[in-house]
Amino acid sequence: MNPRLADAFELLPEYLGWHVLLSLSALLLGLAISLPLAVAAARSPRLRWPTLALASLIQTIPSIALLALFYPLLLALSALSAGLTGHGFSALGFLPSLLALTLYSVLPILRNGVAGITGVDPAISEAADGVGMTPGQKLTQVELPLAAPVIMAGVRTAAVWTIGAATLSTPVGQTSLGNYIFAGLQTENWVFVLFGCAASAVLALAADQLLGLVETGVRLRRRSLVAAGLVGLLAGSAATLAPLASFGGHAAYTVGAKNFSEQYILAELMAGRLEKAGASVSRKEDLGSAVAYRALAAGELDVYVDYSGTLWTNVLGRTDNPGRKAVLDQLTAELKRRDGVLVLGSLGFENAYAFVMRPDRAQALGVASLADLAREAPRLKLGSDLEFLSRPEWKAVDGAYGFNFRSERSYQPTFMYRALASGDADVISAFSSDGRIAADKLVVLTDPKGAIPPYDAVILLSPKAAKDHRLVEALRPLVGAVPVEAMRSANYSVDRDSGKSTPAEAARALEQAIAAN
């Protein structure tokens, strides 16, 4: 068996179990909300339009945006709860995903419920009134049974939508089949991408068919079909949820990572050291920059690696550049004072934003610096990662040099390099510790105005973890121990086109390189 396929199957019980738990919980909660609303909306035309309009409006919000929006809201509510009662709750992972997916499941059930109830033959409704049925009896004995097939069709649609959207819960810290897709896209592990897509599709089809069996049984009044569908759903849910029992124990530490190869490698490096110290470790990967820091400050993560320039501009809101050492010193003091976050130290290398071009293109245009780039920008296409064009660093660089690119387009980091190679982008906002820069012989443009801040890779500890002696002692040897050459080599081993390493394998090789130094 292909080693990558074997790795995918090894992760399947955990990823599938969490995906089923999340989807099932959201669908059941959606049913509990939608059915009473459908009854109320069917009874009252004045309530019907605003209810359906609101549900439709929620459906227009991109699912990944809805997932992301719930995190800061829940984080604020958790802080408020902690202040009032002394107890907060986890705002990362399952809860924001559950709430967002529940809202996504409401519309098809609500709409079909209203259509089914209002579509009951008026003659039948009048007959129910004529025999003296109460409104409650008419609803439960006449209207809902007749509307049940239509409602079940809405449930089937909601189930498929929910299972598909659940793959997008990974960036807010929830384990799901989306972990295959997000990690696979970044590392170009197409086996993982296809495996995640196929597993999600099979799960959605299986749920749809079993719910279809229930729908058919309801329509034909055949209890055996209804029972068969429900038994299949219960058995399938039990089989996929059972493995979660072995993952259910609370890990001693949670290590975070953003959504690119270097972060995966460094998370594995730190997790490996903690596991060697006898600790159990869970990983929360593919987090956005803002989510990762907020999660750490709130204690949802214990440790992750961030970059001084990102923290300086995005967290502290600073636009000046007093120099590498001053940034790190002031950052360490301010994060500790403001949020209780400990900057354990720099790993020893920078991963700065760096504008790079293909050597033939740079030579043909005579571009060696960002000042030269500004001169040629009106006829060039800029490619960036998904965050850069909305970050303060871009505003600072653009303000310093006055770029006016012909076009600006954001890419997932792996495809950003592909765009440069194919000519879809003339210049990209790369990362200085990326091994692909040297491997592809790309030209790094100089920054004569010093507009790009320093980006030391630093280990951040949550307020609680900062007091944990075992964690600090396990990770402190990494401070100053990772030369940029070793990090580039580790990154390239994951990102190269052939003979790829997994992030865990790259982390072990990096550990050996550290030990050799």
Protein backbone atom coordinates (compact mmCIF):
# COMPACT_ATOMS: atom_id res chain seq x y z
CA MET A 1 0.00 0.00 0.00
CA ASN A 2 1.13 3.54 -0.74
CA PRO A 3 2.71 4.96 2.46
CA ARG A 4 0.64 8.13 2.22
CA LEU A 5 -2.54 6.12 1.79
CA ALA A 6 -1.56 4.07 4.83
CA ASP A 7 -1.08 7.31 6.80
CA ALA A 8 -4.52 8.48 5.66
CA PHE A 9 -6.20 5.27 6.84
CA GLU A 10 -4.37 5.49 10.17
CA LEU A 11 -5.90 8.92 10.82
CA LEU A 12 -9.37 8.00 9.55
CA PRO A 13 -10.96 6.75 12.82
CA GLU A 14 -10.23 10.03 14.62
CA TYR A 15 -11.04 12.37 11.75
CA LEU A 16 -14.21 10.51 10.73
CA GLY A 17 -15.42 10.14 14.33
CA TRP A 18 -15.18 13.87 15.02
CA HIS A 19 -16.73 14.68 11.65
CA VAL A 20 -19.74 12.45 12.35
CA LEU A 21 -20.14 13.77 15.90
CA LEU A 22 -20.08 17.37 14.70
CA SER A 23 -22.41 16.81 11.75
CA LEU A 24 -24.88 14.69 13.73
CA SER A 25 -24.99 17.17 16.62
CA ALA A 26 -25.56 20.11 14.26
CA LEU A 27 -28.29 18.27 12.35
CA LEU A 28 -30.16 17.25 15.52
CA LEU A 29 -29.91 20.75 16.94
CA GLY A 30 -31.05 22.16 13.59
CA LEU A 31 -34.08 19.87 13.68
CA ALA A 32 -34.92 20.97 17.21
CA ILE A 33 -34.87 24.61 16.08
CA SER A 34 -36.40 24.26 12.61
CA LEU A 35 -39.47 22.14 13.26
CA PRO A 36 -41.08 24.42 15.89
CA LEU A 37 -40.26 27.43 13.69
CA ALA A 38 -41.82 25.68 10.70
CA VAL A 39 -45.02 25.02 12.62
CA ALA A 40 -45.18 28.62 13.84
CA ALA A 41 -44.43 30.02 10.38
CA ALA A 42 -47.02 27.76 8.76
CA ARG A 43 -49.65 28.96 11.24
CA SER A 44 -48.83 32.68 10.83
CA PRO A 45 -48.32 34.26 7.38
CA ARG A 46 -46.99 37.40 9.12
CA LEU A 47 -44.23 35.34 10.75
CA ARG A 48 -43.55 33.19 7.68
CA TRP A 49 -41.79 35.70 5.43
CA PRO A 50 -39.31 37.17 7.99
CA THR A 51 -38.47 33.68 9.30
CA LEU A 52 -37.72 32.25 5.87
CA ALA A 53 -35.93 35.45 4.81
CA LEU A 54 -33.63 35.33 7.83
CA ALA A 55 -32.84 31.66 7.28
CA SER A 56 -32.12 32.38 3.61
CA LEU A 57 -29.87 35.32 4.56
CA ILE A 58 -27.80 33.11 6.86
CA GLN A 59 -27.42 30.63 4.02
CA THR A 60 -25.82 33.33 1.82
CA ILE A 61 -22.93 33.81 4.28
CA PRO A 62 -19.95 31.68 3.18
CA SER A 63 -19.70 28.77 5.60
CA ILE A 64 -16.03 29.32 6.41
CA ALA A 65 -16.79 32.97 7.26
CA LEU A 66 -19.69 31.95 9.51
CA LEU A 67 -17.42 29.48 11.30
CA ALA A 68 -14.75 32.13 11.79
CA LEU A 69 -17.21 34.76 13.02
CA PHE A 70 -18.47 32.59 15.85
CA TYR A 71 -14.99 32.22 17.38
CA PRO A 72 -14.41 35.85 18.53
CA LEU A 73 -18.04 36.05 19.64
CA LEU A 74 -17.74 32.95 21.80
CA LEU A 75 -14.35 34.07 23.07
CA ALA A 76 -15.88 37.33 24.30
CA LEU A 77 -18.77 35.46 25.92
CA SER A 78 -16.34 33.06 27.59
CA ALA A 79 -14.35 35.99 29.01
CA LEU A 80 -17.58 37.58 30.24
CA SER A 81 -18.67 34.32 31.84
CA ALA A 82 -15.28 33.90 33.51
CA GLY A 83 -15.51 37.43 34.88
CA LEU A 84 -19.04 36.97 36.24
CA THR A 85 -18.96 33.38 37.45
CA GLY A 86 -15.29 32.45 37.55
CA HIS A 87 -15.83 29.83 34.85
CA GLY A 88 -15.36 30.22 31.11
CA PHE A 89 -15.81 27.70 28.31
CA SER A 90 -13.91 26.54 25.27
CA ALA A 91 -14.46 28.89 22.34
CA LEU A 92 -12.15 26.98 19.98
CA GLY A 93 -13.07 23.92 17.97
CA PHE A 94 -16.35 22.12 18.54
CA LEU A 95 -18.64 24.86 19.85
CA PRO A 96 -18.19 27.50 17.10
CA SER A 97 -18.35 24.74 14.49
CA LEU A 98 -21.54 23.32 16.01
CA LEU A 99 -23.31 26.68 16.12
CA ALA A 100 -22.35 27.66 12.57
CA LEU A 101 -23.33 24.30 11.08
CA THR A 102 -26.59 24.30 13.01
CA LEU A 103 -27.55 27.60 11.40
CA TYR A 104 -26.61 26.15 8.01
CA SER A 105 -28.93 23.18 8.54
CA VAL A 106 -31.98 25.29 9.41
CA LEU A 107 -33.08 26.59 5.99
CA PRO A 108 -33.88 23.33 4.12
CA ILE A 109 -35.72 21.84 7.10
CA LEU A 110 -37.59 25.06 7.82
CA ARG A 111 -38.57 25.69 4.19
CA ASN A 112 -39.71 22.11 3.58
CA GLY A 113 -41.53 22.05 6.90
CA VAL A 114 -43.52 25.16 6.02
CA ALA A 115 -44.21 23.85 2.50
CA GLY A 116 -45.31 20.46 3.82
CA ILE A 117 -47.68 21.80 6.48
CA THR A 118 -49.21 24.54 4.31
CA GLY A 119 -49.55 22.05 1.46
CA VAL A 120 -51.96 19.79 3.34
CA ASP A 121 -55.25 19.53 1.43
CA PRO A 122 -57.67 22.12 2.89
CA ALA A 123 -60.46 19.54 2.74
CA ILE A 124 -58.54 17.25 5.05
CA SER A 125 -57.87 20.14 7.42
CA GLU A 126 -61.56 21.05 7.44
CA ALA A 127 -62.49 17.42 8.12
CA ALA A 128 -60.16 17.39 11.12
CA ASP A 129 -61.84 20.52 12.43
CA GLY A 130 -65.26 18.97 11.74
CA VAL A 131 -64.61 15.93 13.95
CA GLY A 132 -63.60 18.22 16.81
CA MET A 133 -59.82 17.86 16.80
CA THR A 134 -57.88 20.40 18.82
CA PRO A 135 -55.11 22.36 17.01
CA GLY A 136 -52.54 20.16 18.72
CA GLN A 137 -54.28 16.95 17.69
CA LYS A 138 -54.68 18.17 14.13
CA LEU A 139 -50.97 19.02 13.97
CA THR A 140 -49.68 15.71 15.37
CA GLN A 141 -52.27 13.35 13.89
CA VAL A 142 -52.95 14.94 10.50
CA GLU A 143 -50.64 17.71 9.35
CA LEU A 144 -47.23 16.42 10.45
CA PRO A 145 -47.84 12.84 9.23
CA LEU A 146 -48.94 14.15 5.82
CA ALA A 147 -46.06 16.66 5.67
CA ALA A 148 -43.45 14.14 6.90
CA PRO A 149 -42.17 13.06 3.45
CA VAL A 150 -41.60 16.70 2.45
CA ILE A 151 -39.91 17.43 5.78
CA MET A 152 -37.68 14.37 5.39
CA ALA A 153 -36.57 15.64 1.98
CA GLY A 154 -35.44 18.83 3.72
CA VAL A 155 -33.62 16.81 6.38
CA ARG A 156 -31.78 14.91 3.65
CA THR A 157 -30.66 18.16 2.04
CA ALA A 158 -29.59 19.58 5.41
CA ALA A 159 -27.59 16.43 6.20
CA VAL A 160 -25.64 16.61 2.93
CA TRP A 161 -24.98 20.35 3.35
CA THR A 162 -23.88 19.91 6.96
CA ILE A 163 -21.52 17.00 6.26
CA GLY A 164 -19.91 18.94 3.41
CA ALA A 165 -19.59 22.21 5.34
CA ALA A 166 -18.10 20.40 8.35
CA THR A 167 -14.86 19.95 6.39
CA LEU A 168 -14.36 23.72 6.76
CA SER A 169 -14.28 23.56 10.58
CA THR A 170 -10.53 22.79 10.64
CA PRO A 171 -9.39 26.49 10.65
CA VAL A 172 -11.28 27.11 13.91
CA GLY A 173 -9.57 24.17 15.60
CA GLN A 174 -12.09 21.36 15.11
CA THR A 175 -10.79 18.00 13.93
CA SER A 176 -12.71 16.73 10.91
CA LEU A 177 -12.19 15.19 7.49
CA GLY A 178 -11.19 18.71 6.48
CA ASN A 179 -7.82 18.09 8.18
CA TYR A 180 -6.90 15.88 5.24
CA ILE A 181 -7.86 18.57 2.74
CA PHE A 182 -6.25 21.61 4.38
CA ALA A 183 -2.98 19.86 5.22
CA GLY A 184 -2.91 18.08 1.87
CA LEU A 185 -3.35 21.28 -0.12
CA GLN A 186 -0.52 23.01 1.74
CA THR A 187 1.97 20.13 1.43
CA GLU A 188 0.73 19.00 -2.01
CA ASN A 189 -0.18 15.64 -0.57
CA TRP A 190 -2.84 14.87 -3.16
CA VAL A 191 -3.51 11.48 -1.61
CA PHE A 192 -4.70 13.26 1.53
CA VAL A 193 -6.77 15.77 -0.45
CA LEU A 194 -8.51 13.08 -2.50
CA PHE A 195 -8.93 10.82 0.54
CA GLY A 196 -10.58 13.62 2.54
CA CYS A 197 -12.89 14.54 -0.33
CA ALA A 198 -13.82 10.91 -0.97
CA ALA A 199 -14.44 10.15 2.70
CA SER A 200 -16.68 13.21 3.05
CA ALA A 201 -18.58 12.32 -0.12
CA VAL A 202 -19.11 8.70 0.94
CA LEU A 203 -20.32 9.82 4.36
CA ALA A 204 -22.77 12.30 2.82
CA LEU A 205 -24.08 9.73 0.32
CA ALA A 206 -24.51 7.08 3.02
CA ALA A 207 -26.43 9.48 5.25
CA ASP A 208 -28.56 10.63 2.33
CA GLN A 209 -29.46 7.06 1.32
CA LEU A 210 -30.37 6.00 4.86
CA LEU A 211 -32.48 9.12 5.36
CA GLY A 212 -34.02 8.42 1.95
CA LEU A 213 -35.02 5.00 3.24
CA VAL A 214 -36.77 6.68 6.17
CA GLU A 215 -38.44 9.14 3.79
CA THR A 216 -39.72 6.32 1.57
CA GLY A 217 -41.00 4.40 4.57
CA VAL A 218 -42.88 7.47 5.84
CA ARG A 219 -44.41 8.15 2.42
CA LEU A 220 -45.51 4.54 1.87
CA ARG A 221 -46.51 4.01 5.52
CA ARG A 222 -44.09 1.10 5.79
CA ARG A 223 -42.65 0.93 9.28
CA SER A 224 -40.08 -1.68 8.25
CA LEU A 225 -38.37 0.78 5.91
CA VAL A 226 -38.42 3.53 8.54
CA ALA A 227 -36.92 1.13 11.09
CA ALA A 228 -34.27 -0.07 8.64
CA GLY A 229 -33.19 3.49 7.88
CA LEU A 230 -33.07 4.51 11.55
CA VAL A 231 -31.20 1.34 12.55
CA GLY A 232 -28.67 1.98 9.78
CA LEU A 233 -28.17 5.56 10.95
CA LEU A 234 -27.77 4.52 14.58
CA ALA A 235 -25.42 1.66 13.77
CA GLY A 236 -23.30 3.78 11.46
CA SER A 237 -23.09 6.59 14.00
CA ALA A 238 -22.15 4.19 16.80
CA ALA A 239 -19.46 2.52 14.68
CA THR A 240 -17.82 5.81 13.71
CA LEU A 241 -18.10 7.41 17.15
CA ALA A 242 -16.75 4.41 19.09
CA PRO A 243 -13.07 5.09 18.23
CA LEU A 244 -13.35 8.55 19.81
CA ALA A 245 -13.30 6.88 23.21
CA SER A 246 -9.57 6.28 22.75
CA PHE A 247 -9.06 9.95 21.87
CA GLY A 248 -11.34 11.23 24.57
CA GLY A 249 -8.81 11.75 27.33
CA HIS A 250 -7.80 15.33 27.96
CA ALA A 251 -4.30 15.92 26.62
CA ALA A 252 -1.83 17.51 28.98
CA TYR A 253 -0.82 20.06 26.34
CA THR A 254 -2.31 21.48 23.14
CA VAL A 255 0.16 22.57 20.46
CA GLY A 256 -1.11 24.96 17.79
CA ALA A 257 -0.05 25.57 14.21
CA LYS A 258 -1.05 27.89 11.38
CA ASN A 259 -1.74 26.69 7.87
CA PHE A 260 1.63 26.22 6.18
CA SER A 261 4.40 23.64 6.14
CA GLU A 262 6.84 25.33 8.50
CA GLN A 263 4.13 25.59 11.15
CA TYR A 264 3.27 21.90 10.83
CA ILE A 265 6.94 20.98 11.21
CA LEU A 266 7.54 23.20 14.24
CA ALA A 267 4.34 21.95 15.90
CA GLU A 268 5.58 18.38 15.45
CA LEU A 269 9.01 19.37 16.74
CA MET A 270 7.55 20.80 19.96
CA ALA A 271 5.00 18.01 20.34
CA GLY A 272 7.75 15.41 19.96
CA ARG A 273 9.79 17.02 22.75
CA LEU A 274 6.79 17.13 25.05
CA GLU A 275 5.91 13.51 24.31
CA LYS A 276 9.49 12.47 25.08
CA ALA A 277 9.04 14.21 28.43
CA GLY A 278 6.11 11.87 29.10
CA ALA A 279 3.26 14.27 28.30
CA SER A 280 0.19 13.60 26.16
CA VAL A 281 -0.19 16.15 23.38
CA SER A 282 -3.00 17.19 21.05
CA ARG A 283 -2.52 19.29 17.94
CA LYS A 284 -4.68 22.11 16.59
CA GLU A 285 -3.51 22.91 13.06
CA ASP A 286 -4.51 25.12 10.14
CA LEU A 287 -5.43 28.04 12.40
CA GLY A 288 -5.51 31.61 11.12
CA SER A 289 -3.04 34.09 12.62
CA ALA A 290 -5.64 36.00 14.64
CA VAL A 291 -7.38 32.82 15.82
CA ALA A 292 -4.10 31.24 16.92
CA TYR A 293 -3.00 34.16 19.09
CA ARG A 294 -6.43 34.71 20.64
CA ALA A 295 -6.68 31.00 21.40
CA LEU A 296 -3.28 31.06 23.11
CA ALA A 297 -4.07 34.16 25.17
CA ALA A 298 -7.37 32.57 26.23
CA GLY A 299 -5.66 29.30 27.21
CA GLU A 300 -7.22 27.27 24.36
CA LEU A 301 -3.67 26.52 23.16
CA ASP A 302 -0.66 25.99 25.37
CA VAL A 303 2.06 26.74 22.84
CA TYR A 304 2.62 27.62 19.21
CA VAL A 305 5.23 29.40 17.09
CA ASP A 306 4.51 32.85 15.73
CA TYR A 307 6.64 35.56 14.14
CA SER A 308 7.73 38.82 15.71
CA GLY A 309 6.63 40.95 12.74
CA THR A 310 3.17 39.39 12.73
CA LEU A 311 2.74 39.99 16.46
CA TRP A 312 4.21 43.50 16.21
CA THR A 313 1.81 44.65 13.50
CA ASN A 314 -1.30 42.48 13.91
CA VAL A 315 -1.45 42.07 17.69
CA LEU A 316 0.16 45.28 18.96
CA GLY A 317 -0.89 47.40 15.98
CA ARG A 318 2.57 48.92 15.57
CA THR A 319 3.68 50.38 12.23
CA ASP A 320 7.22 51.48 13.12
CA ASN A 321 10.34 49.33 12.77
CA PRO A 322 12.87 50.03 15.54
CA GLY A 323 15.04 47.05 14.54
CA ARG A 324 15.14 43.31 15.10
CA LYS A 325 16.34 43.25 18.73
CA ALA A 326 14.18 46.18 19.83
CA VAL A 327 11.07 44.60 18.26
CA LEU A 328 11.70 41.32 20.07
CA ASP A 329 12.45 42.98 23.42
CA GLN A 330 9.44 45.30 23.33
CA LEU A 331 7.20 42.51 22.08
CA THR A 332 8.23 40.21 24.92
CA ALA A 333 7.50 42.85 27.54
CA GLU A 334 4.20 44.03 26.04
CA LEU A 335 2.63 40.60 25.44
CA LYS A 336 3.50 39.60 28.99
CA ARG A 337 2.03 42.80 30.43
CA ARG A 338 -1.08 42.91 28.28
CA ASP A 339 -2.09 39.25 27.88
CA GLY A 340 0.13 37.24 30.21
CA VAL A 341 1.64 35.52 27.16
CA LEU A 342 5.26 34.42 27.55
CA VAL A 343 7.67 34.79 24.64
CA LEU A 344 10.00 31.94 25.56
CA GLY A 345 12.51 33.10 22.96
CA SER A 346 13.45 33.06 19.31
CA LEU A 347 14.17 29.73 17.66
CA GLY A 348 17.14 31.37 15.97
CA PHE A 349 15.88 32.17 12.50
CA GLU A 350 13.65 34.64 10.69
CA ASN A 351 10.80 33.80 8.37
CA ALA A 352 10.18 37.25 6.94
CA TYR A 353 7.97 38.27 4.08
CA ALA A 354 10.18 38.57 1.02
CA PHE A 355 9.16 39.69 -2.45
CA VAL A 356 10.67 37.28 -4.97
CA MET A 357 10.76 36.93 -8.75
CA ARG A 358 11.99 34.42 -11.28
CA PRO A 359 15.59 35.33 -12.19
CA ASP A 360 14.87 35.67 -15.91
CA ARG A 361 11.97 38.04 -15.28
CA ALA A 362 13.89 40.13 -12.72
CA GLN A 363 16.90 40.42 -15.03
CA ALA A 364 14.81 41.36 -18.06
CA LEU A 365 13.11 44.16 -16.12
CA GLY A 366 16.20 45.27 -14.20
CA VAL A 367 14.48 44.70 -10.83
CA ALA A 368 16.68 44.05 -7.79
CA SER A 369 14.88 45.99 -5.04
CA LEU A 370 11.39 46.99 -3.98
CA ALA A 371 12.12 50.47 -5.29
CA ASP A 372 12.82 48.97 -8.73
CA LEU A 373 9.67 46.88 -8.39
CA ALA A 374 7.55 49.99 -7.73
CA ARG A 375 8.77 51.44 -11.03
CA GLU A 376 7.65 48.38 -12.98
CA ALA A 377 4.58 47.51 -10.87
CA PRO A 378 1.87 48.94 -13.23
CA ARG A 379 2.59 46.18 -15.75
CA LEU A 380 3.20 43.35 -13.27
CA LYS A 381 0.95 40.84 -11.51
CA LEU A 382 1.39 40.32 -7.76
CA GLY A 383 0.63 36.99 -6.10
CA SER A 384 0.34 36.70 -2.32
CA ASP A 385 -0.68 34.20 0.31
CA LEU A 386 -4.25 34.27 1.55
CA GLU A 387 -3.57 36.74 4.39
CA PHE A 388 -0.91 39.14 3.16
CA LEU A 389 -2.98 41.68 1.22
CA SER A 390 -5.21 42.29 4.24
CA ARG A 391 -2.37 42.55 6.75
CA PRO A 392 -0.81 45.73 8.14
CA GLU A 393 2.58 44.69 6.72
CA TRP A 394 1.26 45.01 3.18
CA LYS A 395 -0.19 48.44 3.91
CA ALA A 396 3.16 49.53 5.34
CA VAL A 397 5.16 48.26 2.34
CA ASP A 398 2.66 49.60 -0.16
CA GLY A 399 2.66 52.96 1.61
CA ALA A 400 6.46 53.13 1.60
CA TYR A 401 6.95 52.27 -2.08
CA GLY A 402 3.64 53.27 -3.70
CA PHE A 403 3.02 50.07 -5.63
CA ASN A 404 0.34 50.11 -8.29
CA PHE A 405 0.30 46.55 -9.59
CA ARG A 406 -1.61 45.61 -12.71
CA SER A 407 -3.38 42.96 -10.63
CA GLU A 408 -3.20 41.50 -7.13
CA ARG A 409 -4.34 37.96 -6.46
CA SER A 410 -4.25 35.78 -3.35
CA TYR A 411 -3.32 32.10 -3.42
CA GLN A 412 -2.97 29.23 -1.03
CA PRO A 413 0.84 29.30 -0.42
CA THR A 414 1.66 26.20 -2.46
CA PHE A 415 -0.24 27.49 -5.49
CA MET A 416 1.37 30.91 -5.09
CA TYR A 417 4.72 29.39 -6.07
CA ARG A 418 3.03 27.53 -8.91
CA ALA A 419 1.60 30.82 -10.17
CA LEU A 420 5.07 32.37 -10.20
CA ALA A 421 6.53 29.43 -12.12
CA SER A 422 3.75 29.48 -14.71
CA GLY A 423 3.80 33.25 -15.22
CA ASP A 424 0.36 33.83 -13.71
CA ALA A 425 2.20 36.01 -11.21
CA ASP A 426 5.33 38.11 -11.88
CA VAL A 427 6.24 38.59 -8.22
CA ILE A 428 5.05 36.90 -5.04
CA SER A 429 5.17 37.62 -1.32
CA ALA A 430 7.22 34.58 -0.30
CA PHE A 431 8.73 33.56 3.03
CA SER A 432 12.46 33.92 3.63
CA SER A 433 12.86 30.49 5.30
CA ASP A 434 11.15 28.67 2.44
CA GLY A 435 13.49 26.18 0.79
CA ARG A 436 11.78 26.68 -2.57
CA ILE A 437 13.46 30.09 -2.93
CA ALA A 438 16.92 28.54 -3.16
CA ALA A 439 15.75 25.40 -4.97
CA ASP A 440 14.06 27.43 -7.72
CA LYS A 441 16.85 30.03 -7.75
CA LEU A 442 14.38 32.84 -7.13
CA VAL A 443 15.58 36.43 -6.72
CA VAL A 444 14.81 38.04 -3.34
CA LEU A 445 14.26 41.77 -3.76
CA THR A 446 15.97 44.04 -1.25
CA ASP A 447 14.02 46.44 0.99
CA PRO A 448 16.08 49.67 1.00
CA LYS A 449 13.48 51.57 3.08
CA GLY A 450 13.21 48.89 5.77
CA ALA A 451 9.45 48.73 5.40
CA ILE A 452 9.20 45.00 6.16
CA PRO A 453 9.53 44.34 9.92
CA PRO A 454 11.72 41.55 11.33
CA TYR A 455 10.12 38.12 11.62
CA ASP A 456 11.93 36.08 14.26
CA ALA A 457 10.21 32.76 14.83
CA VAL A 458 9.32 32.79 18.53
CA ILE A 459 7.82 30.22 20.88
CA LEU A 460 4.73 31.59 22.62
CA LEU A 461 3.30 30.09 25.81
CA SER A 462 -0.17 30.72 27.21
CA PRO A 463 -0.45 32.38 30.64
CA LYS A 464 -1.09 29.01 32.29
CA ALA A 465 1.58 27.14 30.32
CA ALA A 466 4.16 29.82 31.18
CA LYS A 467 4.04 28.53 34.77
CA ASP A 468 4.39 24.87 33.76
CA HIS A 469 7.93 23.79 34.60
CA ARG A 470 7.83 20.57 32.54
CA LEU A 471 6.67 22.34 29.38
CA VAL A 472 9.17 25.19 29.74
CA GLU A 473 12.08 22.84 30.37
CA ALA A 474 11.14 20.62 27.41
CA LEU A 475 10.99 23.54 24.96
CA ARG A 476 13.66 25.93 26.27
CA PRO A 477 16.52 24.02 24.52
CA LEU A 478 14.95 24.98 21.19
CA VAL A 479 15.59 28.69 21.82
CA GLY A 480 18.35 29.84 19.49
CA ALA A 481 18.92 26.27 18.30
CA VAL A 482 17.34 26.29 14.81
CA PRO A 483 19.52 27.85 12.08
CA VAL A 484 17.69 29.16 9.04
CA GLU A 485 19.53 26.69 6.78
CA ALA A 486 18.16 23.75 8.77
CA MET A 487 14.65 25.20 8.68
CA ARG A 488 14.84 25.77 4.94
CA SER A 489 15.96 22.17 4.44
CA ALA A 490 13.10 20.87 6.60
CA ASN A 491 10.56 23.04 4.77
CA TYR A 492 11.81 21.98 1.38
CA SER A 493 11.66 18.29 2.30
CA VAL A 494 7.91 18.75 2.77
CA ASP A 495 7.27 21.17 -0.12
CA ARG A 496 9.39 19.69 -2.89
CA ASP A 497 7.72 18.07 -5.90
CA SER A 498 9.02 14.52 -5.40
CA GLY A 499 10.27 12.42 -2.51
CA LYS A 500 8.26 14.46 -0.03
CA SER A 501 8.59 14.03 3.72
CA THR A 502 5.67 14.30 6.10
CA PRO A 503 5.84 17.16 8.64
CA ALA A 504 6.55 14.57 11.36
CA GLU A 505 9.46 13.13 9.36
CA ALA A 506 10.80 16.62 8.67
CA ALA A 507 10.55 17.44 12.38
CA ARG A 508 12.59 14.36 13.28
CA ALA A 509 15.24 15.33 10.73
CA LEU A 510 15.27 18.87 12.13
CA GLU A 511 15.68 17.48 15.65
CA GLN A 512 18.69 15.50 14.46
CA ALA A 513 20.17 18.61 12.82
CA ILE A 514 19.72 20.53 16.08
CA ALA A 515 21.39 17.74 18.05
CA ALA A 516 24.31 17.66 15.61
CA ASN A 517 24.93 21.37 16.19
